[in-house]
Amino acid sequence: TAAAVAIAGLGGPPELVAGVAAAGFALAQTLWSIANRLQSPAPAGPGSGPVGARERLARQRRSVGGLVVHAGVALMALAIVATGVGRRELVATLAPGDSAVLGSYRVTFTALREATRPDRTVVIAEASATGPGGSLALDPSLSAFATSTQAIATPSISSSILGDLYVTLMDVDRSAGTATLRIGLHPFMSWLWFGGGIAALGGVVAAWPARRRPIRGRAPLAAAAAPPAIAGLGADE
């Protein structure tokens, strides 16, 4: 599939390429089945004429909804395989101007700066990353609270269709001006949520109640005729 070819071109491991190709094949097969059901004639009722794709979808909503659920599950499986097998991380201590390379991304550390908040002091590492999506600014930080001895890290995240880039500030050396960064690549992370949404949509389509339609071509039943009046009924004898 195209995703597997893209990952192979970015230097992904062979097991990741194989997993993505398998999940992509399952997804393509499911989409083909959905299209085939919408194009093939649906069973027609008595007196029914030709029906369009919308009508066929209404009549086969349970089977089509089930296939949409399968498509969502295939996307989720692709994301799980890609994230579990293709996840990569490195930790690097960088001086201003130094860079670290992970996969197709180069992360460059620029400088440290400090910001004071009412409840905490924040140390921010100014950095940038260049990769398949171009250049982007990063600002991972460490927050030190007066009531806690443990600093809280806030990562800088960049999401794309092929994966998410996480850059976390782990430690700083103010005297040397260096920053220790943890850089992580998580392939296809956003596809997990997208696949879950598609699976939920398929469940709604399958469970949606059918609309009752009158049977065409059948004449309405004639009203029952009133019984004939009996002559002389109620007359004086």
Protein backbone atom coordinates (compact mmCIF):
# COMPACT_ATOMS: atom_id res chain seq x y z
CA THR A 1 0.00 0.00 0.00
CA ALA A 2 0.98 3.66 -0.29
CA ALA A 3 1.52 3.97 3.47
CA ALA A 4 3.89 0.99 3.52
CA VAL A 5 5.84 2.40 0.57
CA ALA A 6 6.08 5.78 2.35
CA ILE A 7 7.37 4.16 5.55
CA ALA A 8 9.88 2.06 3.60
CA GLY A 9 11.10 5.25 1.91
CA LEU A 10 11.54 6.90 5.32
CA GLY A 11 13.70 4.04 6.54
CA GLY A 12 11.10 2.13 8.57
CA PRO A 13 11.97 -1.37 9.85
CA PRO A 14 10.84 -4.35 7.69
CA GLU A 15 8.37 -5.66 10.32
CA LEU A 16 6.66 -2.25 10.39
CA VAL A 17 6.39 -2.17 6.60
CA ALA A 18 4.94 -5.71 6.59
CA GLY A 19 2.40 -4.89 9.33
CA VAL A 20 1.25 -1.72 7.62
CA ALA A 21 0.96 -3.53 4.27
CA ALA A 22 -1.20 -6.28 5.84
CA ALA A 23 -3.52 -3.80 7.57
CA GLY A 24 -3.69 -1.72 4.41
CA PHE A 25 -4.68 -4.77 2.36
CA ALA A 26 -7.47 -5.60 4.83
CA LEU A 27 -8.71 -2.01 4.65
CA ALA A 28 -8.66 -2.00 0.84
CA GLN A 29 -10.55 -5.31 0.74
CA THR A 30 -13.23 -3.92 3.06
CA LEU A 31 -13.64 -0.75 1.02
CA TRP A 32 -13.95 -2.84 -2.15
CA SER A 33 -16.69 -4.93 -0.51
CA ILE A 34 -18.61 -1.80 0.48
CA ALA A 35 -18.41 -0.39 -3.05
CA ASN A 36 -19.44 -3.73 -4.53
CA ARG A 37 -22.54 -3.91 -2.31
CA LEU A 38 -23.59 -0.38 -3.21
CA GLN A 39 -23.21 -1.09 -6.94
CA SER A 40 -24.88 -4.51 -7.05
CA PRO A 41 -28.69 -4.67 -7.23
CA ALA A 42 -30.39 -5.10 -3.87
CA PRO A 43 -33.24 -7.59 -3.44
CA ALA A 44 -36.37 -5.81 -4.59
CA GLY A 45 -39.75 -6.05 -2.95
CA PRO A 46 -43.04 -6.82 -4.71
CA GLY A 47 -43.81 -4.24 -7.35
CA SER A 48 -40.49 -2.40 -6.89
CA GLY A 49 -38.66 -0.80 -9.79
CA PRO A 50 -34.96 -0.03 -10.23
CA VAL A 51 -33.25 1.40 -7.13
CA GLY A 52 -30.29 3.78 -6.75
CA ALA A 53 -27.26 3.65 -4.48
CA ARG A 54 -29.07 5.48 -1.68
CA GLU A 55 -31.91 2.99 -1.74
CA ARG A 56 -29.49 0.06 -1.85
CA LEU A 57 -27.66 1.51 1.17
CA ALA A 58 -30.95 1.80 3.05
CA ARG A 59 -31.85 -1.82 2.29
CA GLN A 60 -28.39 -3.19 3.13
CA ARG A 61 -27.53 -0.83 5.99
CA ARG A 62 -26.71 -3.65 8.43
CA SER A 63 -24.21 -5.37 6.17
CA VAL A 64 -22.72 -2.08 4.95
CA GLY A 65 -22.54 -0.79 8.53
CA GLY A 66 -20.71 -3.95 9.57
CA LEU A 67 -18.20 -3.48 6.76
CA VAL A 68 -17.65 0.15 7.80
CA VAL A 69 -16.92 -1.11 11.34
CA HIS A 70 -14.37 -3.52 9.84
CA ALA A 71 -12.74 -0.64 7.96
CA GLY A 72 -12.41 1.33 11.19
CA VAL A 73 -10.95 -1.67 13.00
CA ALA A 74 -8.44 -2.16 10.16
CA LEU A 75 -7.31 1.46 10.53
CA MET A 76 -6.97 1.03 14.29
CA ALA A 77 -4.98 -2.18 13.81
CA LEU A 78 -2.71 -0.37 11.36
CA ALA A 79 -2.11 2.40 13.91
CA ILE A 80 -1.43 -0.06 16.76
CA VAL A 81 1.02 -2.12 14.68
CA ALA A 82 2.81 0.96 13.38
CA THR A 83 3.07 2.61 16.80
CA GLY A 84 4.12 -0.56 18.61
CA VAL A 85 6.72 -1.69 16.10
CA GLY A 86 7.87 1.59 14.58
CA ARG A 87 8.12 3.72 17.72
CA ARG A 88 11.61 5.17 18.11
CA GLU A 89 13.18 7.39 20.76
CA LEU A 90 16.51 8.95 21.64
CA VAL A 91 17.79 11.16 24.46
CA ALA A 92 20.38 13.81 23.67
CA THR A 93 22.04 16.59 25.64
CA LEU A 94 22.46 19.55 23.30
CA ALA A 95 24.23 22.88 23.50
CA PRO A 96 22.77 25.87 21.61
CA GLY A 97 23.10 25.20 17.87
CA ASP A 98 23.52 21.42 18.26
CA SER A 99 21.19 18.97 16.51
CA ALA A 100 19.98 15.41 16.98
CA VAL A 101 18.66 13.24 14.15
CA LEU A 102 15.90 10.63 14.54
CA GLY A 103 14.51 8.98 11.44
CA SER A 104 13.73 11.68 8.89
CA TYR A 105 13.66 14.47 11.51
CA ARG A 106 16.47 16.77 12.62
CA VAL A 107 15.84 18.59 15.93
CA THR A 108 18.00 21.65 16.61
CA PHE A 109 18.24 23.25 20.06
CA THR A 110 18.45 27.06 20.06
CA ALA A 111 18.37 28.45 23.60
CA LEU A 112 16.86 28.30 27.08
CA ARG A 113 14.53 30.92 28.45
CA GLU A 114 12.65 31.24 31.72
CA ALA A 115 9.12 32.47 32.42
CA THR A 116 7.56 33.21 35.79
CA ARG A 117 3.94 32.33 36.51
CA PRO A 118 1.95 33.07 39.67
CA ASP A 119 2.19 29.45 40.81
CA ARG A 120 5.31 28.15 39.07
CA THR A 121 8.54 28.85 37.23
CA VAL A 122 8.77 27.54 33.68
CA VAL A 123 12.00 26.75 31.83
CA ILE A 124 11.46 26.58 28.07
CA ALA A 125 13.79 25.05 25.48
CA GLU A 126 13.50 26.86 22.18
CA ALA A 127 14.09 24.41 19.35
CA SER A 128 13.12 23.61 15.80
CA ALA A 129 12.57 20.46 13.76
CA THR A 130 12.92 19.83 10.05
CA GLY A 131 11.37 16.79 8.40
CA PRO A 132 8.93 15.62 5.73
CA GLY A 133 6.46 18.38 6.62
CA GLY A 134 9.04 21.17 6.47
CA SER A 135 10.36 23.22 9.40
CA LEU A 136 8.46 23.81 12.64
CA ALA A 137 9.11 25.54 15.97
CA LEU A 138 9.19 23.57 19.23
CA ASP A 139 8.99 24.77 22.83
CA PRO A 140 9.09 21.87 25.33
CA SER A 141 9.18 23.02 28.93
CA LEU A 142 9.75 22.10 32.58
CA SER A 143 7.50 23.59 35.27
CA ALA A 144 8.77 23.88 38.84
CA PHE A 145 6.08 24.44 41.50
CA ALA A 146 6.83 25.92 44.90
CA THR A 147 4.82 23.15 46.58
CA SER A 148 6.62 20.30 44.79
CA THR A 149 10.18 19.11 44.42
CA GLN A 150 9.44 17.35 41.12
CA ALA A 151 9.44 19.37 37.90
CA ILE A 152 6.61 18.64 35.45
CA ALA A 153 7.54 18.19 31.79
CA THR A 154 5.27 19.46 29.03
CA PRO A 155 6.25 17.99 25.64
CA SER A 156 6.01 19.76 22.32
CA ILE A 157 4.04 17.64 19.82
CA SER A 158 3.81 17.89 16.06
CA SER A 159 1.21 15.67 14.34
CA SER A 160 1.04 14.62 10.71
CA ILE A 161 -0.70 11.93 8.69
CA LEU A 162 2.38 9.69 8.92
CA GLY A 163 3.00 10.08 12.64
CA ASP A 164 3.59 12.28 15.67
CA LEU A 165 6.87 13.85 16.77
CA TYR A 166 7.29 14.27 20.54
CA VAL A 167 10.05 16.44 22.00
CA THR A 168 10.29 16.51 25.81
CA LEU A 169 12.62 18.61 27.95
CA MET A 170 14.09 16.22 30.51
CA ASP A 171 16.76 18.34 32.24
CA VAL A 172 18.68 21.61 31.91
CA ASP A 173 22.11 22.87 32.92
CA ARG A 174 21.73 26.63 33.32
CA SER A 175 25.45 27.22 33.83
CA ALA A 176 26.37 25.47 30.58
CA GLY A 177 23.16 26.46 28.78
CA THR A 178 22.51 22.86 27.69
CA ALA A 179 19.23 20.98 27.48
CA THR A 180 18.56 17.25 27.62
CA LEU A 181 15.81 16.39 25.15
CA ARG A 182 13.93 13.15 24.62
CA ILE A 183 12.81 12.88 21.00
CA GLY A 184 10.19 10.32 20.03
CA LEU A 185 8.54 9.24 16.77
CA HIS A 186 5.12 7.54 16.96
CA PRO A 187 3.96 6.45 13.47
CA PHE A 188 0.25 6.67 12.57
CA MET A 189 -0.86 7.71 16.07
CA SER A 190 -3.67 9.92 14.72
CA TRP A 191 -5.04 7.00 12.66
CA LEU A 192 -6.04 5.28 15.90
CA TRP A 193 -8.59 7.99 16.71
CA PHE A 194 -9.71 8.27 13.09
CA GLY A 195 -10.30 4.51 12.89
CA GLY A 196 -12.26 4.57 16.14
CA GLY A 197 -14.53 7.28 14.73
CA ILE A 198 -15.15 5.27 11.55
CA ALA A 199 -15.96 2.14 13.58
CA ALA A 200 -18.45 4.12 15.68
CA LEU A 201 -20.05 5.51 12.51
CA GLY A 202 -20.43 1.99 11.11
CA GLY A 203 -22.13 0.88 14.33
CA VAL A 204 -24.62 3.75 14.03
CA VAL A 205 -25.35 2.88 10.39
CA ALA A 206 -25.93 -0.80 11.25
CA ALA A 207 -28.18 -0.01 14.23
CA TRP A 208 -30.21 2.74 12.55
CA PRO A 209 -33.89 1.66 12.42
CA ALA A 210 -35.34 0.93 9.00
CA ARG A 211 -38.00 3.22 7.60
CA ARG A 212 -41.22 1.44 6.79
CA ARG A 213 -42.31 1.86 3.21
CA PRO A 214 -45.72 1.02 1.71
CA ILE A 215 -45.79 -1.89 -0.74
CA ARG A 216 -46.07 -0.59 -4.29
CA GLY A 217 -48.40 -1.90 -6.95
CA ARG A 218 -51.12 -3.16 -4.61
CA ALA A 219 -54.61 -1.61 -4.87
CA PRO A 220 -56.14 -0.44 -1.58
CA LEU A 221 -58.73 -2.75 -0.10
CA ALA A 222 -62.29 -1.75 -1.05
CA ALA A 223 -64.42 -0.53 1.80
CA ALA A 224 -66.93 -3.06 2.95
CA ALA A 225 -70.37 -2.39 1.48
CA ALA A 226 -73.11 -1.47 3.92
CA PRO A 227 -75.82 -4.13 4.31
CA PRO A 228 -78.95 -3.40 2.29
CA ALA A 229 -81.80 -1.80 4.16
CA ILE A 230 -84.70 -4.10 4.99
CA ALA A 231 -87.93 -2.79 3.56
CA GLY A 232 -90.52 -1.89 6.13
CA LEU A 233 -88.07 -2.09 9.04
CA GLY A 234 -89.46 0.07 11.83
CA ALA A 235 -92.78 0.75 10.01
CA ASP A 236 -96.10 0.51 11.90
CA GLU A 237 -97.73 -2.85 11.53
